[in-house]
């Protein structure tokens, strides 16, 4: 024991030659020394924090913490008339109560409607909410866009336990007023796949430039992957002469006179997206004339 204490004392004596830095005094550092029988610990006291002069405490000089402070509400504005109490209002009639109830919850099952609504509207909502076999039926959003399914395919994914079957749907949405979008979605059910692809299509809406004859302002070509699509304007009365996904995209956009041709792959999704790419390259003639700073008549000279 004496030899161990002597060894510790020799080690500490060698360390005591170094002057402790100022940083060591900022913390609660413990230095220990040894004697022949035990080790004693000495704690260096912390330095007191310097007072701060940037904090203004003059607000509390005249404040008595034991004083009772009474709340004085602000005076009402001039011309203020307090609303009547609830029990002072005139009683509502039965017709008003029935109309308010029908406005919130719909017509009652009694077969009488105060607002002139269909008495079977609640039954229709219940039937519409639940689909076949008790599944929830999703309602289409009433935003003015129509949906058309281009393709529904069954796809498989090879996993560790085997093959996982699902359905992939391609849907084109448009308002037939110059706005169209293409979307794709996958799900284990066909209805869910169509719903997901319709939501995806609404997130990718593009504007189709058209003339007053509901055709393109100029010719354009677009490609997506291995699919290539050629779009050409047509005279009034021609109609949409195109096939496959190109025709569906143009019809949902509201184009009535146009020529379209698929030059590359026959993939429906790639051709639909190639059509959107070709449409996005088109520009109105007035936009080109405005950028060039010339009248539209000089574009054909």
C-alpha atoms as a PDB file:
ATOM      1  CA  UNK A   1       0.000   0.000   0.000  1.00  0.00           C
ATOM      2  CA  UNK A   2       2.846   2.347   0.856  1.00  0.00           C
ATOM      3  CA  UNK A   3       4.582   1.597  -2.453  1.00  0.00           C
ATOM      4  CA  UNK A   4       1.381   2.374  -4.418  1.00  0.00           C
ATOM      5  CA  UNK A   5       0.908   5.676  -2.585  1.00  0.00           C
ATOM      6  CA  UNK A   6       4.540   6.580  -3.276  1.00  0.00           C
ATOM      7  CA  UNK A   7       4.080   5.857  -6.992  1.00  0.00           C
ATOM      8  CA  UNK A   8       0.972   8.064  -7.190  1.00  0.00           C
ATOM      9  CA  UNK A   9       2.774  10.840  -5.310  1.00  0.00           C
ATOM     10  CA  UNK A  10       5.693  10.684  -7.744  1.00  0.00           C
ATOM     11  CA  UNK A  11       3.340  10.890 -10.749  1.00  0.00           C
ATOM     12  CA  UNK A  12       1.491  13.857  -9.333  1.00  0.00           C
ATOM     13  CA  UNK A  13       4.687  15.653  -8.510  1.00  0.00           C
ATOM     14  CA  UNK A  14       5.743  15.421 -12.159  1.00  0.00           C
ATOM     15  CA  UNK A  15       2.363  16.781 -13.285  1.00  0.00           C
ATOM     16  CA  UNK A  16       2.455  19.680 -10.845  1.00  0.00           C
ATOM     17  CA  UNK A  17       5.231  21.330 -12.883  1.00  0.00           C
ATOM     18  CA  UNK A  18       2.673  22.366 -15.550  1.00  0.00           C
ATOM     19  CA  UNK A  19       0.776  25.564 -14.841  1.00  0.00           C
ATOM     20  CA  UNK A  20      -2.993  24.947 -15.040  1.00  0.00           C
ATOM     21  CA  UNK A  21      -4.721  26.888 -17.799  1.00  0.00           C
ATOM     22  CA  UNK A  22      -7.413  29.471 -17.179  1.00  0.00           C
ATOM     23  CA  UNK A  23     -10.002  27.189 -18.725  1.00  0.00           C
ATOM     24  CA  UNK A  24      -9.551  24.612 -16.004  1.00  0.00           C
ATOM     25  CA  UNK A  25     -10.596  27.178 -13.381  1.00  0.00           C
ATOM     26  CA  UNK A  26     -13.877  27.852 -15.158  1.00  0.00           C
ATOM     27  CA  UNK A  27     -15.149  24.362 -14.440  1.00  0.00           C
ATOM     28  CA  UNK A  28     -15.623  22.454 -11.218  1.00  0.00           C
ATOM     29  CA  UNK A  29     -12.348  20.516 -11.602  1.00  0.00           C
ATOM     30  CA  UNK A  30     -11.223  18.116  -8.904  1.00  0.00           C
ATOM     31  CA  UNK A  31      -7.488  17.899  -8.144  1.00  0.00           C
ATOM     32  CA  UNK A  32      -6.337  15.227  -5.767  1.00  0.00           C
ATOM     33  CA  UNK A  33      -3.139  14.708  -3.799  1.00  0.00           C
ATOM     34  CA  UNK A  34      -1.928  11.654  -1.980  1.00  0.00           C
ATOM     35  CA  UNK A  35      -0.340  10.979   1.335  1.00  0.00           C
ATOM     36  CA  UNK A  36       1.238   7.892   2.748  1.00  0.00           C
ATOM     37  CA  UNK A  37      -2.120   6.461   3.855  1.00  0.00           C
ATOM     38  CA  UNK A  38      -5.023   7.941   1.813  1.00  0.00           C
ATOM     39  CA  UNK A  39      -5.934  10.132  -1.167  1.00  0.00           C
ATOM     40  CA  UNK A  40      -7.646  13.475  -0.478  1.00  0.00           C
ATOM     41  CA  UNK A  41      -9.714  15.391  -3.043  1.00  0.00           C
ATOM     42  CA  UNK A  42      -9.728  19.192  -3.265  1.00  0.00           C
ATOM     43  CA  UNK A  43     -12.422  21.035  -5.266  1.00  0.00           C
ATOM     44  CA  UNK A  44     -11.511  24.266  -7.027  1.00  0.00           C
ATOM     45  CA  UNK A  45     -14.349  26.814  -6.494  1.00  0.00           C
ATOM     46  CA  UNK A  46     -16.194  28.225  -9.524  1.00  0.00           C
ATOM     47  CA  UNK A  47     -15.630  31.756 -10.676  1.00  0.00           C
ATOM     48  CA  UNK A  48     -18.580  34.080 -10.079  1.00  0.00           C
ATOM     49  CA  UNK A  49     -20.338  35.331 -13.197  1.00  0.00           C
ATOM     50  CA  UNK A  50     -19.751  38.962 -14.040  1.00  0.00           C
ATOM     51  CA  UNK A  51     -22.828  41.200 -13.649  1.00  0.00           C
ATOM     52  CA  UNK A  52     -24.511  42.246 -16.875  1.00  0.00           C
ATOM     53  CA  UNK A  53     -25.139  45.905 -17.494  1.00  0.00           C
ATOM     54  CA  UNK A  54     -27.207  45.525 -20.672  1.00  0.00           C
ATOM     55  CA  UNK A  55     -30.383  44.365 -18.858  1.00  0.00           C
ATOM     56  CA  UNK A  56     -32.703  47.176 -17.813  1.00  0.00           C
ATOM     57  CA  UNK A  57     -34.400  46.392 -14.486  1.00  0.00           C
ATOM     58  CA  UNK A  58     -35.631  49.894 -13.672  1.00  0.00           C
ATOM     59  CA  UNK A  59     -39.215  48.778 -14.350  1.00  0.00           C
ATOM     60  CA  UNK A  60     -39.291  46.772 -11.134  1.00  0.00           C
ATOM     61  CA  UNK A  61     -37.980  49.573  -8.893  1.00  0.00           C
ATOM     62  CA  UNK A  62     -41.423  51.087  -8.184  1.00  0.00           C
ATOM     63  CA  UNK A  63     -43.332  47.770  -8.269  1.00  0.00           C
ATOM     64  CA  UNK A  64     -44.598  46.302  -5.030  1.00  0.00           C
ATOM     65  CA  UNK A  65     -44.924  42.507  -5.371  1.00  0.00           C
ATOM     66  CA  UNK A  66     -47.342  42.362  -2.411  1.00  0.00           C
ATOM     67  CA  UNK A  67     -49.716  45.023  -3.691  1.00  0.00           C
ATOM     68  CA  UNK A  68     -53.170  44.028  -4.978  1.00  0.00           C
ATOM     69  CA  UNK A  69     -53.702  44.991  -8.622  1.00  0.00           C
ATOM     70  CA  UNK A  70     -57.302  45.392  -9.768  1.00  0.00           C
ATOM     71  CA  UNK A  71     -58.246  44.709 -13.397  1.00  0.00           C
ATOM     72  CA  UNK A  72     -59.845  47.641 -15.154  1.00  0.00           C
ATOM     73  CA  UNK A  73     -61.419  46.633 -18.491  1.00  0.00           C
ATOM     74  CA  UNK A  74     -61.182  49.124 -21.368  1.00  0.00           C
ATOM     75  CA  UNK A  75     -64.151  51.325 -22.061  1.00  0.00           C
ATOM     76  CA  UNK A  76     -66.438  50.169 -24.916  1.00  0.00           C
ATOM     77  CA  UNK A  77     -66.268  52.192 -28.139  1.00  0.00           C
ATOM     78  CA  UNK A  78     -68.711  54.956 -28.785  1.00  0.00           C
ATOM     79  CA  UNK A  79     -72.043  53.751 -30.132  1.00  0.00           C
ATOM     80  CA  UNK A  80     -71.525  50.139 -28.997  1.00  0.00           C
ATOM     81  CA  UNK A  81     -74.723  48.186 -28.382  1.00  0.00           C
ATOM     82  CA  UNK A  82     -74.289  44.947 -26.416  1.00  0.00           C
ATOM     83  CA  UNK A  83     -75.907  41.876 -28.004  1.00  0.00           C
ATOM     84  CA  UNK A  84     -79.006  40.490 -26.317  1.00  0.00           C
ATOM     85  CA  UNK A  85     -78.702  37.517 -24.023  1.00  0.00           C
ATOM     86  CA  UNK A  86     -79.593  34.049 -25.220  1.00  0.00           C
ATOM     87  CA  UNK A  87     -82.722  33.818 -23.118  1.00  0.00           C
ATOM     88  CA  UNK A  88     -83.904  37.238 -24.304  1.00  0.00           C
ATOM     89  CA  UNK A  89     -84.065  36.263 -28.011  1.00  0.00           C
ATOM     90  CA  UNK A  90     -87.489  35.627 -29.536  1.00  0.00           C
ATOM     91  CA  UNK A  91     -88.420  31.926 -29.712  1.00  0.00           C
ATOM     92  CA  UNK A  92     -87.794  30.176 -33.039  1.00  0.00           C
ATOM     93  CA  UNK A  93     -90.645  28.595 -34.922  1.00  0.00           C
ATOM     94  CA  UNK A  94     -90.820  24.906 -35.701  1.00  0.00           C
ATOM     95  CA  UNK A  95     -90.328  25.606 -39.402  1.00  0.00           C
ATOM     96  CA  UNK A  96     -87.086  27.499 -38.727  1.00  0.00           C
ATOM     97  CA  UNK A  97     -85.791  24.694 -36.521  1.00  0.00           C
ATOM     98  CA  UNK A  98     -86.707  22.069 -39.147  1.00  0.00           C
ATOM     99  CA  UNK A  99     -85.048  24.119 -41.901  1.00  0.00           C
ATOM    100  CA  UNK A 100     -81.832  24.496 -39.877  1.00  0.00           C
ATOM    101  CA  UNK A 101     -81.803  20.772 -39.072  1.00  0.00           C
ATOM    102  CA  UNK A 102     -82.348  19.874 -42.730  1.00  0.00           C
ATOM    103  CA  UNK A 103     -79.593  22.277 -43.825  1.00  0.00           C
ATOM    104  CA  UNK A 104     -77.086  20.486 -41.581  1.00  0.00           C
ATOM    105  CA  UNK A 105     -78.177  16.849 -41.669  1.00  0.00           C
ATOM    106  CA  UNK A 106     -80.277  16.650 -44.829  1.00  0.00           C
ATOM    107  CA  UNK A 107     -83.983  15.793 -45.177  1.00  0.00           C
ATOM    108  CA  UNK A 108     -85.481  13.715 -42.417  1.00  0.00           C
ATOM    109  CA  UNK A 109     -86.767  10.190 -42.943  1.00  0.00           C
ATOM    110  CA  UNK A 110     -90.305  11.355 -42.188  1.00  0.00           C
ATOM    111  CA  UNK A 111     -90.867  12.031 -45.892  1.00  0.00           C
ATOM    112  CA  UNK A 112     -91.264  15.786 -45.487  1.00  0.00           C
ATOM    113  CA  UNK A 113     -88.789  18.397 -46.701  1.00  0.00           C
ATOM    114  CA  UNK A 114     -88.993  22.015 -45.571  1.00  0.00           C
ATOM    115  CA  UNK A 115     -86.432  23.249 -48.131  1.00  0.00           C
ATOM    116  CA  UNK A 116     -87.907  21.266 -51.023  1.00  0.00           C
ATOM    117  CA  UNK A 117     -85.114  18.679 -51.278  1.00  0.00           C
ATOM    118  CA  UNK A 118     -85.429  15.037 -52.243  1.00  0.00           C
ATOM    119  CA  UNK A 119     -86.514  12.982 -49.264  1.00  0.00           C
ATOM    120  CA  UNK A 120     -84.429  10.026 -50.456  1.00  0.00           C
ATOM    121  CA  UNK A 121     -81.143  11.925 -50.624  1.00  0.00           C
ATOM    122  CA  UNK A 122     -79.918  10.441 -47.359  1.00  0.00           C
ATOM    123  CA  UNK A 123     -80.526   6.907 -48.619  1.00  0.00           C
ATOM    124  CA  UNK A 124     -78.656   7.792 -51.816  1.00  0.00           C
ATOM    125  CA  UNK A 125     -75.681   9.063 -49.797  1.00  0.00           C
ATOM    126  CA  UNK A 126     -75.594   5.898 -47.721  1.00  0.00           C
ATOM    127  CA  UNK A 127     -75.716   3.675 -50.800  1.00  0.00           C
ATOM    128  CA  UNK A 128     -73.086   5.755 -52.557  1.00  0.00           C
ATOM    129  CA  UNK A 129     -70.712   5.669 -49.594  1.00  0.00           C
ATOM    130  CA  UNK A 130     -70.620   1.869 -49.471  1.00  0.00           C
ATOM    131  CA  UNK A 131     -69.863  -0.072 -52.610  1.00  0.00           C
ATOM    132  CA  UNK A 132     -69.992  -3.757 -53.414  1.00  0.00           C
ATOM    133  CA  UNK A 133     -69.265  -6.169 -50.539  1.00  0.00           C
ATOM    134  CA  UNK A 134     -69.187  -3.307 -48.035  1.00  0.00           C
ATOM    135  CA  UNK A 135     -66.147  -1.586 -49.552  1.00  0.00           C
ATOM    136  CA  UNK A 136     -65.911   2.168 -49.406  1.00  0.00           C
ATOM    137  CA  UNK A 137     -66.660   3.756 -52.742  1.00  0.00           C
ATOM    138  CA  UNK A 138     -64.558   6.795 -53.559  1.00  0.00           C
ATOM    139  CA  UNK A 139     -66.301   9.799 -55.002  1.00  0.00           C
ATOM    140  CA  UNK A 140     -64.815  11.600 -57.973  1.00  0.00           C
ATOM    141  CA  UNK A 141     -63.866  15.228 -57.314  1.00  0.00           C
ATOM    142  CA  UNK A 142     -66.179  17.719 -58.939  1.00  0.00           C
ATOM    143  CA  UNK A 143     -63.484  19.971 -60.405  1.00  0.00           C
ATOM    144  CA  UNK A 144     -64.617  20.050 -64.029  1.00  0.00           C
ATOM    145  CA  UNK A 145     -62.119  17.440 -65.277  1.00  0.00           C
ATOM    146  CA  UNK A 146     -63.257  14.303 -67.050  1.00  0.00           C
ATOM    147  CA  UNK A 147     -61.410  11.015 -66.752  1.00  0.00           C
ATOM    148  CA  UNK A 148     -60.757   8.406 -69.390  1.00  0.00           C
ATOM    149  CA  UNK A 149     -58.914   5.153 -68.842  1.00  0.00           C
ATOM    150  CA  UNK A 150     -56.301   4.454 -71.487  1.00  0.00           C
ATOM    151  CA  UNK A 151     -55.047   1.081 -70.305  1.00  0.00           C
ATOM    152  CA  UNK A 152     -55.275  -1.313 -67.357  1.00  0.00           C
ATOM    153  CA  UNK A 153     -52.644  -4.046 -67.156  1.00  0.00           C
ATOM    154  CA  UNK A 154     -51.835  -6.712 -64.625  1.00  0.00           C
ATOM    155  CA  UNK A 155     -48.209  -6.520 -63.558  1.00  0.00           C
ATOM    156  CA  UNK A 156     -46.165  -8.747 -61.277  1.00  0.00           C
ATOM    157  CA  UNK A 157     -43.301  -8.105 -58.922  1.00  0.00           C
ATOM    158  CA  UNK A 158     -40.976 -10.950 -57.974  1.00  0.00           C
ATOM    159  CA  UNK A 159     -40.371 -10.949 -54.231  1.00  0.00           C
ATOM    160  CA  UNK A 160     -38.786 -13.393 -51.826  1.00  0.00           C
ATOM    161  CA  UNK A 161     -41.968 -15.375 -51.270  1.00  0.00           C
ATOM    162  CA  UNK A 162     -43.003 -15.505 -54.933  1.00  0.00           C
ATOM    163  CA  UNK A 163     -44.813 -13.112 -57.248  1.00  0.00           C
ATOM    164  CA  UNK A 164     -46.874 -10.144 -56.090  1.00  0.00           C
ATOM    165  CA  UNK A 165     -49.734  -9.351 -58.469  1.00  0.00           C
ATOM    166  CA  UNK A 166     -51.016  -5.792 -58.927  1.00  0.00           C
ATOM    167  CA  UNK A 167     -52.721  -3.634 -61.545  1.00  0.00           C
ATOM    168  CA  UNK A 168     -51.343  -0.605 -63.381  1.00  0.00           C
ATOM    169  CA  UNK A 169     -53.759   1.940 -64.795  1.00  0.00           C
ATOM    170  CA  UNK A 170     -53.138   4.827 -67.189  1.00  0.00           C
ATOM    171  CA  UNK A 171     -55.690   7.645 -66.981  1.00  0.00           C
ATOM    172  CA  UNK A 172     -55.988  10.898 -68.941  1.00  0.00           C
ATOM    173  CA  UNK A 173     -57.928  13.782 -67.378  1.00  0.00           C
ATOM    174  CA  UNK A 174     -58.978  16.971 -69.118  1.00  0.00           C
ATOM    175  CA  UNK A 175     -61.625  19.676 -69.143  1.00  0.00           C
ATOM    176  CA  UNK A 176     -61.838  19.890 -72.963  1.00  0.00           C
ATOM    177  CA  UNK A 177     -60.940  23.578 -72.647  1.00  0.00           C
ATOM    178  CA  UNK A 178     -57.181  23.355 -73.183  1.00  0.00           C
ATOM    179  CA  UNK A 179     -56.073  21.517 -70.022  1.00  0.00           C
ATOM    180  CA  UNK A 180     -55.010  17.875 -69.983  1.00  0.00           C
ATOM    181  CA  UNK A 181     -52.900  15.576 -67.809  1.00  0.00           C
ATOM    182  CA  UNK A 182     -51.570  12.013 -67.958  1.00  0.00           C
ATOM    183  CA  UNK A 183     -51.182   9.883 -64.841  1.00  0.00           C
ATOM    184  CA  UNK A 184     -50.272   6.335 -63.880  1.00  0.00           C
ATOM    185  CA  UNK A 185     -50.922   4.394 -60.694  1.00  0.00           C
ATOM    186  CA  UNK A 186     -50.533   0.870 -59.286  1.00  0.00           C
ATOM    187  CA  UNK A 187     -52.634  -0.955 -56.714  1.00  0.00           C
ATOM    188  CA  UNK A 188     -53.846  -4.428 -55.835  1.00  0.00           C
ATOM    189  CA  UNK A 189     -57.373  -3.509 -56.995  1.00  0.00           C
ATOM    190  CA  UNK A 190     -58.399  -2.042 -60.345  1.00  0.00           C
ATOM    191  CA  UNK A 191     -60.572   0.663 -58.779  1.00  0.00           C
ATOM    192  CA  UNK A 192     -57.759   1.812 -56.487  1.00  0.00           C
ATOM    193  CA  UNK A 193     -55.288   1.860 -59.368  1.00  0.00           C
ATOM    194  CA  UNK A 194     -57.605   4.035 -61.468  1.00  0.00           C
ATOM    195  CA  UNK A 195     -58.167   6.407 -58.547  1.00  0.00           C
ATOM    196  CA  UNK A 196     -54.428   6.758 -57.875  1.00  0.00           C
ATOM    197  CA  UNK A 197     -53.654   7.359 -61.552  1.00  0.00           C
ATOM    198  CA  UNK A 198     -56.392  10.008 -61.758  1.00  0.00           C
ATOM    199  CA  UNK A 199     -54.883  11.812 -58.768  1.00  0.00           C
ATOM    200  CA  UNK A 200     -51.451  11.601 -60.398  1.00  0.00           C
ATOM    201  CA  UNK A 201     -52.864  12.985 -63.658  1.00  0.00           C
ATOM    202  CA  UNK A 202     -54.378  15.980 -61.864  1.00  0.00           C
ATOM    203  CA  UNK A 203     -50.937  16.796 -60.517  1.00  0.00           C
ATOM    204  CA  UNK A 204     -49.489  16.961 -64.053  1.00  0.00           C
ATOM    205  CA  UNK A 205     -51.934  19.268 -65.826  1.00  0.00           C
ATOM    206  CA  UNK A 206     -50.558  21.140 -68.845  1.00  0.00           C
ATOM    207  CA  UNK A 207     -52.107  23.824 -71.059  1.00  0.00           C
ATOM    208  CA  UNK A 208     -52.643  23.083 -74.747  1.00  0.00           C
ATOM    209  CA  UNK A 209     -52.365  26.162 -77.017  1.00  0.00           C
ATOM    210  CA  UNK A 210     -55.189  26.246 -79.571  1.00  0.00           C
ATOM    211  CA  UNK A 211     -56.535  28.632 -82.179  1.00  0.00           C
ATOM    212  CA  UNK A 212     -60.133  29.733 -82.619  1.00  0.00           C
ATOM    213  CA  UNK A 213     -60.641  26.738 -84.935  1.00  0.00           C
ATOM    214  CA  UNK A 214     -59.731  24.374 -82.072  1.00  0.00           C
ATOM    215  CA  UNK A 215     -56.525  23.195 -83.689  1.00  0.00           C
ATOM    216  CA  UNK A 216     -52.813  23.656 -83.064  1.00  0.00           C
ATOM    217  CA  UNK A 217     -51.103  26.942 -83.918  1.00  0.00           C
ATOM    218  CA  UNK A 218     -48.208  25.119 -85.625  1.00  0.00           C
ATOM    219  CA  UNK A 219     -46.722  21.663 -86.062  1.00  0.00           C
ATOM    220  CA  UNK A 220     -44.748  19.970 -83.336  1.00  0.00           C
ATOM    221  CA  UNK A 221     -42.956  16.711 -82.586  1.00  0.00           C
ATOM    222  CA  UNK A 222     -42.392  15.072 -79.225  1.00  0.00           C
ATOM    223  CA  UNK A 223     -40.696  11.975 -77.911  1.00  0.00           C
ATOM    224  CA  UNK A 224     -40.631  10.117 -74.632  1.00  0.00           C
ATOM    225  CA  UNK A 225     -38.380   7.121 -74.358  1.00  0.00           C
ATOM    226  CA  UNK A 226     -38.660   5.135 -77.588  1.00  0.00           C
ATOM    227  CA  UNK A 227     -42.026   6.685 -78.501  1.00  0.00           C
ATOM    228  CA  UNK A 228     -42.193   9.515 -81.031  1.00  0.00           C
ATOM    229  CA  UNK A 229     -45.342  11.480 -81.836  1.00  0.00           C
ATOM    230  CA  UNK A 230     -45.978  13.892 -84.693  1.00  0.00           C
ATOM    231  CA  UNK A 231     -48.726  16.522 -84.350  1.00  0.00           C
ATOM    232  CA  UNK A 232     -49.973  18.710 -87.198  1.00  0.00           C
ATOM    233  CA  UNK A 233     -52.751  21.336 -87.353  1.00  0.00           C
ATOM    234  CA  UNK A 234     -55.766  20.678 -89.553  1.00  0.00           C
ATOM    235  CA  UNK A 235     -58.492  22.725 -91.222  1.00  0.00           C
ATOM    236  CA  UNK A 236     -61.973  23.015 -89.696  1.00  0.00           C
ATOM    237  CA  UNK A 237     -64.098  19.929 -90.209  1.00  0.00           C
ATOM    238  CA  UNK A 238     -61.180  17.504 -90.349  1.00  0.00           C
ATOM    239  CA  UNK A 239     -61.652  16.072 -86.878  1.00  0.00           C
ATOM    240  CA  UNK A 240     -59.037  14.286 -84.797  1.00  0.00           C
ATOM    241  CA  UNK A 241     -57.192  11.849 -87.041  1.00  0.00           C
ATOM    242  CA  UNK A 242     -55.015   9.924 -84.634  1.00  0.00           C
ATOM    243  CA  UNK A 243     -55.010   6.608 -82.872  1.00  0.00           C
ATOM    244  CA  UNK A 244     -54.265   5.060 -79.520  1.00  0.00           C
ATOM    245  CA  UNK A 245     -53.276   7.216 -76.578  1.00  0.00           C
ATOM    246  CA  UNK A 246     -52.619  10.230 -78.843  1.00  0.00           C
ATOM    247  CA  UNK A 247     -56.285  10.463 -79.777  1.00  0.00           C
ATOM    248  CA  UNK A 248     -57.435  10.231 -76.166  1.00  0.00           C
ATOM    249  CA  UNK A 249     -55.062  12.986 -75.038  1.00  0.00           C
ATOM    250  CA  UNK A 250     -56.143  15.332 -77.838  1.00  0.00           C
ATOM    251  CA  UNK A 251     -59.843  14.711 -77.263  1.00  0.00           C
ATOM    252  CA  UNK A 252     -59.588  15.298 -73.517  1.00  0.00           C
ATOM    253  CA  UNK A 253     -57.715  18.542 -74.219  1.00  0.00           C
ATOM    254  CA  UNK A 254     -60.556  19.810 -76.415  1.00  0.00           C
ATOM    255  CA  UNK A 255     -58.779  19.648 -79.772  1.00  0.00           C
ATOM    256  CA  UNK A 256     -61.306  19.031 -82.570  1.00  0.00           C
ATOM    257  CA  UNK A 257     -59.163  19.353 -85.710  1.00  0.00           C
ATOM    258  CA  UNK A 258     -55.687  17.822 -85.683  1.00  0.00           C
ATOM    259  CA  UNK A 259     -53.492  15.157 -87.221  1.00  0.00           C
ATOM    260  CA  UNK A 260     -51.423  12.803 -85.084  1.00  0.00           C
ATOM    261  CA  UNK A 261     -49.080   9.951 -85.848  1.00  0.00           C
ATOM    262  CA  UNK A 262     -47.171   7.477 -83.677  1.00  0.00           C
ATOM    263  CA  UNK A 263     -43.737   6.942 -85.233  1.00  0.00           C
ATOM    264  CA  UNK A 264     -41.892   4.899 -82.625  1.00  0.00           C
ATOM    265  CA  UNK A 265     -42.925   2.526 -79.892  1.00  0.00           C
ATOM    266  CA  UNK A 266     -46.503   1.346 -79.434  1.00  0.00           C
ATOM    267  CA  UNK A 267     -46.351   1.711 -75.656  1.00  0.00           C
ATOM    268  CA  UNK A 268     -49.509   3.537 -74.521  1.00  0.00           C
ATOM    269  CA  UNK A 269     -47.929   5.345 -71.587  1.00  0.00           C
ATOM    270  CA  UNK A 270     -44.898   6.560 -73.547  1.00  0.00           C
ATOM    271  CA  UNK A 271     -47.071   7.728 -76.442  1.00  0.00           C
ATOM    272  CA  UNK A 272     -49.367   9.652 -74.102  1.00  0.00           C
ATOM    273  CA  UNK A 273     -46.424  11.355 -72.454  1.00  0.00           C
ATOM    274  CA  UNK A 274     -44.799  12.026 -75.839  1.00  0.00           C
ATOM    275  CA  UNK A 275     -48.019  13.774 -76.880  1.00  0.00           C
ATOM    276  CA  UNK A 276     -47.856  15.959 -73.784  1.00  0.00           C
ATOM    277  CA  UNK A 277     -44.205  16.727 -74.569  1.00  0.00           C
ATOM    278  CA  UNK A 278     -45.096  17.793 -78.103  1.00  0.00           C
ATOM    279  CA  UNK A 279     -47.922  19.972 -76.820  1.00  0.00           C
ATOM    280  CA  UNK A 280     -45.650  21.693 -74.312  1.00  0.00           C
ATOM    281  CA  UNK A 281     -43.331  22.745 -77.155  1.00  0.00           C
ATOM    282  CA  UNK A 282     -46.129  24.688 -78.883  1.00  0.00           C
ATOM    283  CA  UNK A 283     -46.522  28.439 -78.459  1.00  0.00           C
ATOM    284  CA  UNK A 284     -49.218  30.893 -79.385  1.00  0.00           C
ATOM    285  CA  UNK A 285     -48.469  33.234 -82.253  1.00  0.00           C
ATOM    286  CA  UNK A 286     -49.223  36.303 -80.163  1.00  0.00           C
ATOM    287  CA  UNK A 287     -46.628  35.203 -77.599  1.00  0.00           C
ATOM    288  CA  UNK A 288     -43.936  34.918 -80.282  1.00  0.00           C
ATOM    289  CA  UNK A 289     -44.878  38.304 -81.740  1.00  0.00           C
ATOM    290  CA  UNK A 290     -44.810  39.893 -78.304  1.00  0.00           C
ATOM    291  CA  UNK A 291     -41.358  38.515 -77.550  1.00  0.00           C
ATOM    292  CA  UNK A 292     -39.988  39.676 -80.892  1.00  0.00           C
ATOM    293  CA  UNK A 293     -41.656  43.081 -80.578  1.00  0.00           C
ATOM    294  CA  UNK A 294     -43.318  42.899 -84.000  1.00  0.00           C
ATOM    295  CA  UNK A 295     -46.973  42.728 -85.103  1.00  0.00           C
ATOM    296  CA  UNK A 296     -48.461  39.317 -85.849  1.00  0.00           C
ATOM    297  CA  UNK A 297     -48.787  40.124 -89.570  1.00  0.00           C
ATOM    298  CA  UNK A 298     -45.007  40.154 -89.948  1.00  0.00           C
ATOM    299  CA  UNK A 299     -44.690  36.548 -88.730  1.00  0.00           C
ATOM    300  CA  UNK A 300     -45.766  35.240 -92.154  1.00  0.00           C
ATOM    301  CA  UNK A 301     -43.481  37.531 -94.181  1.00  0.00           C
END
